Each structure stands twice: as structure tokens, then as C-alpha cells.
N, C-alpha and C. Protein backbone atom coordinates (compact mmCIF):
# COMPACT_ATOMS: atom_id res chain seq x y z
N MET A 1 105.08 79.46 59.44
CA MET A 1 104.21 80.69 59.79
C MET A 1 104.54 81.66 58.80
N ASN A 2 103.54 82.33 58.32
CA ASN A 2 103.80 83.38 57.20
C ASN A 2 104.19 84.77 57.67
N SER A 3 104.16 85.68 56.55
CA SER A 3 104.40 87.01 57.06
C SER A 3 103.06 87.80 57.55
N THR A 4 102.06 87.20 57.12
CA THR A 4 100.80 87.90 58.01
C THR A 4 100.78 87.48 59.43
N ASP A 5 101.00 86.34 59.74
CA ASP A 5 101.29 85.93 61.26
C ASP A 5 102.07 86.73 61.97
N LEU A 6 103.23 86.99 61.45
CA LEU A 6 104.41 88.03 61.84
C LEU A 6 103.69 89.47 62.06
N SER A 7 103.00 89.92 61.02
CA SER A 7 102.64 91.19 61.29
C SER A 7 101.45 91.48 62.13
N ALA A 8 100.70 90.47 62.71
CA ALA A 8 99.77 90.36 63.55
C ALA A 8 100.34 90.63 64.96
N GLN A 9 101.67 90.26 65.11
CA GLN A 9 102.41 89.99 66.61
C GLN A 9 102.62 91.58 66.75
N PRO A 10 102.44 91.96 68.18
CA PRO A 10 103.11 93.29 68.33
C PRO A 10 104.22 93.34 68.42
N THR A 11 104.89 94.66 68.13
CA THR A 11 106.40 94.69 68.04
C THR A 11 106.75 95.14 69.63
N VAL A 12 107.99 94.76 69.78
CA VAL A 12 108.45 95.02 71.19
C VAL A 12 108.34 96.29 71.70
N ARG A 13 108.28 97.37 71.03
CA ARG A 13 108.21 98.79 71.42
C ARG A 13 106.64 98.77 71.73
N GLN A 14 105.55 98.26 71.05
CA GLN A 14 104.25 98.33 71.38
C GLN A 14 103.77 97.48 72.66
N GLN A 15 104.87 96.49 72.66
CA GLN A 15 104.48 95.63 74.22
C GLN A 15 104.96 96.48 75.47
N LEU A 16 106.10 97.37 75.17
CA LEU A 16 106.86 98.12 76.26
C LEU A 16 105.63 99.18 76.48
N ASP A 17 105.39 99.93 75.32
CA ASP A 17 104.05 100.72 75.69
C ASP A 17 102.96 100.48 76.16
N ALA A 18 102.42 99.06 76.09
CA ALA A 18 101.50 98.72 76.77
C ALA A 18 101.93 98.52 78.20
N ILE A 19 102.79 97.94 78.49
CA ILE A 19 103.35 97.65 80.01
C ILE A 19 103.31 99.14 80.77
N ASN A 20 104.01 100.01 80.02
CA ASN A 20 104.13 101.40 80.58
C ASN A 20 102.59 101.96 80.86
N GLU A 21 101.80 101.74 80.07
CA GLU A 21 100.48 102.34 80.22
C GLU A 21 99.66 101.50 81.41
N ARG A 22 99.84 100.47 81.17
CA ARG A 22 99.31 99.82 82.64
C ARG A 22 99.87 100.12 83.96
N ARG A 23 100.97 100.40 83.81
CA ARG A 23 101.84 101.11 85.11
C ARG A 23 101.19 102.15 85.53
N ARG A 24 100.93 103.17 84.59
CA ARG A 24 100.49 104.63 84.57
C ARG A 24 99.06 104.39 85.12
N THR A 25 98.19 103.36 84.40
CA THR A 25 96.95 103.29 84.68
C THR A 25 96.54 102.95 86.18
N LYS A 26 97.55 101.94 86.59
CA LYS A 26 97.39 101.47 87.81
C LYS A 26 97.82 102.41 88.95
N HIS A 27 98.54 103.41 88.51
CA HIS A 27 99.00 104.38 89.54
C HIS A 27 98.12 105.85 89.67
N LEU A 28 97.00 105.68 88.54
CA LEU A 28 95.94 106.92 88.69
C LEU A 28 95.29 107.19 89.80
N PRO A 29 94.87 106.08 90.63
CA PRO A 29 94.17 106.37 91.72
C PRO A 29 95.01 106.88 92.92
N VAL A 30 96.22 106.41 92.93
CA VAL A 30 97.45 106.99 93.87
C VAL A 30 97.50 108.41 93.59
N ALA A 31 97.50 108.84 92.23
CA ALA A 31 97.37 110.20 92.08
C ALA A 31 96.52 111.19 92.41
N ARG A 32 95.37 110.35 92.36
CA ARG A 32 94.14 111.07 92.87
C ARG A 32 94.33 111.24 94.52
N ALA A 33 94.61 110.26 95.09
CA ALA A 33 94.77 110.41 96.58
C ALA A 33 95.88 111.30 96.94
N LEU A 34 97.14 111.68 96.29
CA LEU A 34 97.91 112.47 96.53
C LEU A 34 97.36 113.91 96.65
N ARG A 35 96.31 114.07 95.71
CA ARG A 35 95.77 115.33 95.56
C ARG A 35 94.63 115.60 96.61
N ASP A 36 94.12 114.55 97.39
CA ASP A 36 93.13 114.65 98.27
C ASP A 36 93.57 114.99 99.55
N PRO A 37 93.39 115.99 100.20
CA PRO A 37 94.11 116.17 101.79
C PRO A 37 93.73 115.21 102.72
N ALA A 38 92.55 114.49 102.39
CA ALA A 38 92.08 113.54 103.31
C ALA A 38 92.70 112.38 103.19
N SER A 39 93.53 111.99 102.25
CA SER A 39 94.17 110.68 101.83
C SER A 39 95.71 110.95 101.63
N ALA A 40 95.96 112.02 101.18
CA ALA A 40 97.32 112.02 100.71
C ALA A 40 98.52 111.54 101.73
N GLN A 41 98.17 112.00 103.25
CA GLN A 41 99.20 111.75 104.22
C GLN A 41 99.61 110.25 104.41
N ALA A 42 98.46 109.38 104.30
CA ALA A 42 98.40 108.18 104.54
C ALA A 42 99.46 107.40 103.29
N VAL A 43 99.09 108.13 102.30
CA VAL A 43 100.00 107.50 101.04
C VAL A 43 101.22 107.97 100.89
N ILE A 44 101.42 109.20 101.51
CA ILE A 44 102.85 109.50 101.49
C ILE A 44 103.64 108.67 102.61
N VAL A 45 102.99 108.75 103.76
CA VAL A 45 103.73 107.61 104.84
C VAL A 45 104.11 106.28 104.27
N ALA A 46 103.05 105.62 103.65
CA ALA A 46 103.46 104.23 103.01
C ALA A 46 104.34 104.21 102.19
N ALA A 47 104.51 105.34 101.26
CA ALA A 47 105.73 105.48 100.39
C ALA A 47 107.09 105.63 100.92
N LYS A 48 107.23 106.32 101.99
CA LYS A 48 108.25 106.77 102.83
C LYS A 48 108.60 105.40 103.56
N ILE A 49 107.81 104.61 103.97
CA ILE A 49 108.09 103.27 104.69
C ILE A 49 108.71 102.59 103.39
N GLN A 50 108.36 102.59 102.26
CA GLN A 50 108.79 101.52 101.34
C GLN A 50 110.22 102.18 100.88
N ILE A 51 110.43 103.45 100.84
CA ILE A 51 111.66 104.15 100.49
C ILE A 51 112.96 103.73 101.59
N HIS A 52 112.35 103.77 102.91
CA HIS A 52 113.32 103.39 103.83
C HIS A 52 113.69 101.85 103.68
N LEU A 53 112.77 101.13 103.36
CA LEU A 53 113.07 99.71 103.18
C LEU A 53 114.06 99.55 101.92
N TRP A 54 113.98 100.31 100.86
CA TRP A 54 114.91 100.39 99.93
C TRP A 54 116.35 100.63 100.53
N ARG A 55 116.16 101.83 100.99
CA ARG A 55 117.65 102.26 101.34
C ARG A 55 118.23 101.48 102.55
N GLU A 56 117.42 100.75 103.26
CA GLU A 56 118.02 100.21 104.37
C GLU A 56 118.65 98.64 103.94
N LYS A 57 117.92 98.13 102.81
CA LYS A 57 118.13 96.80 102.43
C LYS A 57 118.96 96.81 100.93
N ASN A 58 119.18 98.27 100.70
CA ASN A 58 120.00 98.25 99.31
C ASN A 58 119.05 97.84 98.31
N LEU A 59 118.01 98.12 98.05
CA LEU A 59 117.14 97.34 97.10
C LEU A 59 116.84 98.15 96.05
N CYS A 60 117.40 99.51 95.78
CA CYS A 60 116.73 100.15 94.81
C CYS A 60 118.17 101.38 94.57
N SER A 61 118.06 101.70 93.43
CA SER A 61 119.18 102.71 93.32
C SER A 61 118.90 104.05 93.89
N ASN A 62 120.20 104.79 94.49
CA ASN A 62 119.94 106.02 95.26
C ASN A 62 119.38 107.10 94.34
N ASP A 63 119.45 106.88 92.94
CA ASP A 63 118.58 108.01 91.94
C ASP A 63 117.07 107.84 92.19
N TYR A 64 116.58 106.71 92.12
CA TYR A 64 115.19 106.34 92.52
C TYR A 64 114.79 107.09 93.81
N ILE A 65 115.58 106.61 94.72
CA ILE A 65 115.40 106.85 96.05
C ILE A 65 115.22 108.46 96.23
N SER A 66 116.34 109.17 95.78
CA SER A 66 116.22 110.69 95.91
C SER A 66 115.20 111.33 95.06
N ALA A 67 115.02 110.72 93.92
CA ALA A 67 114.06 111.24 93.23
C ALA A 67 112.47 111.21 93.85
N TRP A 68 112.29 110.16 94.67
CA TRP A 68 111.09 109.91 95.21
C TRP A 68 110.88 110.73 96.58
N GLU A 69 112.03 110.64 97.14
CA GLU A 69 112.02 111.40 98.41
C GLU A 69 111.67 113.31 97.91
N CYS A 70 112.13 113.53 96.99
CA CYS A 70 111.98 114.87 96.62
C CYS A 70 110.57 115.26 96.24
N LEU A 71 109.90 114.20 95.34
CA LEU A 71 108.69 114.28 94.99
C LEU A 71 107.49 114.21 96.08
N LEU A 72 108.07 113.34 96.93
CA LEU A 72 107.11 113.25 98.24
C LEU A 72 106.81 114.59 99.04
N LEU A 73 107.86 115.46 98.96
CA LEU A 73 107.69 116.76 99.68
C LEU A 73 106.95 117.65 99.00
N HIS A 74 106.47 117.15 97.74
CA HIS A 74 105.39 118.02 96.98
C HIS A 74 104.19 117.06 96.23
N PRO A 75 103.42 116.67 97.00
CA PRO A 75 102.49 115.49 96.55
C PRO A 75 101.58 116.00 95.34
N GLU A 76 101.43 117.14 94.99
CA GLU A 76 101.04 117.52 93.74
C GLU A 76 102.06 117.22 92.43
N GLN A 77 103.26 117.44 92.68
CA GLN A 77 104.37 117.22 91.75
C GLN A 77 104.25 115.49 91.44
N ALA A 78 104.28 114.93 92.66
CA ALA A 78 104.38 113.57 92.77
C ALA A 78 103.15 112.92 91.96
N ALA A 79 101.81 113.41 91.96
CA ALA A 79 100.78 112.95 91.45
C ALA A 79 100.99 113.31 90.06
N ASP A 80 101.38 114.51 89.67
CA ASP A 80 101.78 114.71 88.19
C ASP A 80 102.75 113.75 87.65
N MET A 81 103.69 113.43 88.09
CA MET A 81 104.49 112.26 87.76
C MET A 81 104.00 111.13 87.37
N LEU A 82 103.06 110.61 88.33
CA LEU A 82 102.45 109.41 88.29
C LEU A 82 101.62 109.32 87.04
N GLU A 83 100.96 110.39 86.86
CA GLU A 83 99.93 110.72 85.31
C GLU A 83 100.78 110.92 84.27
N ALA A 84 101.86 111.38 84.45
CA ALA A 84 102.57 111.76 83.17
C ALA A 84 103.25 110.63 82.34
N CYS A 85 103.49 110.68 80.96
CA CYS A 85 103.91 109.96 80.04
C CYS A 85 105.45 110.24 79.46
N SER A 86 105.88 110.96 80.32
CA SER A 86 107.49 111.29 79.95
C SER A 86 108.21 109.96 80.38
N LEU A 87 109.50 110.06 79.69
CA LEU A 87 110.33 109.20 79.76
C LEU A 87 110.83 109.18 81.51
N GLU A 88 110.73 110.28 82.05
CA GLU A 88 111.18 110.25 83.42
C GLU A 88 110.08 109.49 84.17
N ALA A 89 109.24 109.89 83.93
CA ALA A 89 107.62 109.12 84.71
C ALA A 89 107.72 107.77 84.46
N ILE A 90 108.12 107.39 83.24
CA ILE A 90 108.05 105.88 82.96
C ILE A 90 109.04 105.36 83.71
N GLN A 91 110.10 105.85 83.82
CA GLN A 91 111.18 105.22 84.58
C GLN A 91 110.92 105.32 86.26
N LEU A 92 110.52 106.33 86.60
CA LEU A 92 110.09 106.28 88.20
C LEU A 92 108.97 105.31 88.55
N ARG A 93 108.04 105.18 87.54
CA ARG A 93 106.83 104.13 87.77
C ARG A 93 107.52 102.72 87.78
N GLN A 94 108.72 102.54 87.20
CA GLN A 94 109.27 101.26 87.39
C GLN A 94 109.74 101.09 88.65
N ASN A 95 110.02 101.91 89.51
CA ASN A 95 110.53 101.76 90.86
C ASN A 95 109.71 102.56 91.69
N SER A 96 108.28 102.20 91.74
CA SER A 96 107.50 103.04 92.43
C SER A 96 107.32 102.66 93.83
N PRO A 97 107.41 103.63 94.82
CA PRO A 97 107.22 103.39 96.23
C PRO A 97 105.73 103.26 96.79
N PHE A 98 104.89 103.09 95.53
CA PHE A 98 103.34 103.10 95.97
C PHE A 98 102.83 102.03 95.85
N VAL A 99 103.64 101.03 95.95
CA VAL A 99 103.10 99.50 95.75
C VAL A 99 101.75 99.19 96.54
N ALA A 100 101.95 99.58 97.81
CA ALA A 100 100.91 98.95 98.66
C ALA A 100 99.85 99.77 98.40
N SER A 101 99.88 101.08 98.13
CA SER A 101 98.73 102.01 97.46
C SER A 101 98.04 101.40 96.43
N VAL A 102 98.81 100.95 95.50
CA VAL A 102 98.21 100.54 94.19
C VAL A 102 97.40 99.39 94.61
N ARG A 103 97.86 98.50 95.58
CA ARG A 103 97.27 97.04 95.58
C ARG A 103 95.79 97.58 96.52
N TYR A 104 96.24 98.75 97.56
CA TYR A 104 94.74 98.97 98.41
C TYR A 104 93.82 99.54 97.24
N PHE A 105 94.19 100.35 96.42
CA PHE A 105 93.07 100.88 95.33
C PHE A 105 92.42 100.03 94.50
N ARG A 106 93.46 98.75 94.10
CA ARG A 106 92.92 97.97 93.33
C ARG A 106 91.81 96.99 94.06
N GLU A 107 92.24 96.61 95.23
CA GLU A 107 91.20 95.98 96.19
C GLU A 107 89.77 96.71 96.24
N ILE A 108 90.11 98.01 96.57
CA ILE A 108 88.84 98.72 96.59
C ILE A 108 87.99 98.78 95.32
N ASP A 109 88.57 98.85 94.25
CA ASP A 109 88.00 98.82 92.56
C ASP A 109 87.36 97.40 92.48
N ASN A 110 88.01 96.48 93.13
CA ASN A 110 87.42 94.98 92.90
C ASN A 110 86.36 94.68 93.65
N ALA A 111 86.34 95.49 94.96
CA ALA A 111 85.26 95.21 95.91
C ALA A 111 84.05 95.89 95.30
N ALA A 112 84.00 96.86 94.56
CA ALA A 112 83.07 97.60 94.12
C ALA A 112 82.35 97.03 93.17
């Protein structure tokens, strides 16, 4: 393999950035739903159920559990976090309680 082959390979940082952007993009429909009074409550309830499972089965750090519980009290702030590119937002999306909602909105998009 020559040096031009290596330079065409994405760096680890580029790969991580791409993963983080995919996570952010997957959560955009959830953020929109959190801002819509007609759908926000259902999304919040599903997230709270996930958080309850995390706590009950010790599946997630208490830091993430606490952060998401606080954000769910303020759906607009939760939506902002899902859309943000900050380090905190990236970390929170790694342990997102919105997995069921992300899947739901992906299925709707695929059906359209």
C-alpha cells in the first residue's frame, strides 16, 4: 500500500465525527416531536420508560440518567440538546432514551 492509499482513508477523528453526525441526524425527528405539543408527551413517556429500565437493571450511568431526567422536564431543552453539536450533546446522544422514538420515526420515513 502506498502513501496515497493511506491518505484516502478517513482518520479516526473523521470517522467519529461521521458517527456523531449520524446520531444527531437520527435524533432530529425526535427533537421536532418534542417541540410539537401533539406528540411531545408520547415521546417523553417512552423516554421515561427507557430511563426506568436503565435504572432498574443498572444499564446506564447515573450521570446520564440524571441528565436525561432533568432534560425531560423541559422538552424544548431536550430538543435543543438533541440538535446540538456540543460535546455534552454528543455524549448524551450516545446514551439516548429515545431509541424507540428514533426507530418509530425511521419507520415512518421509510414508509413514505
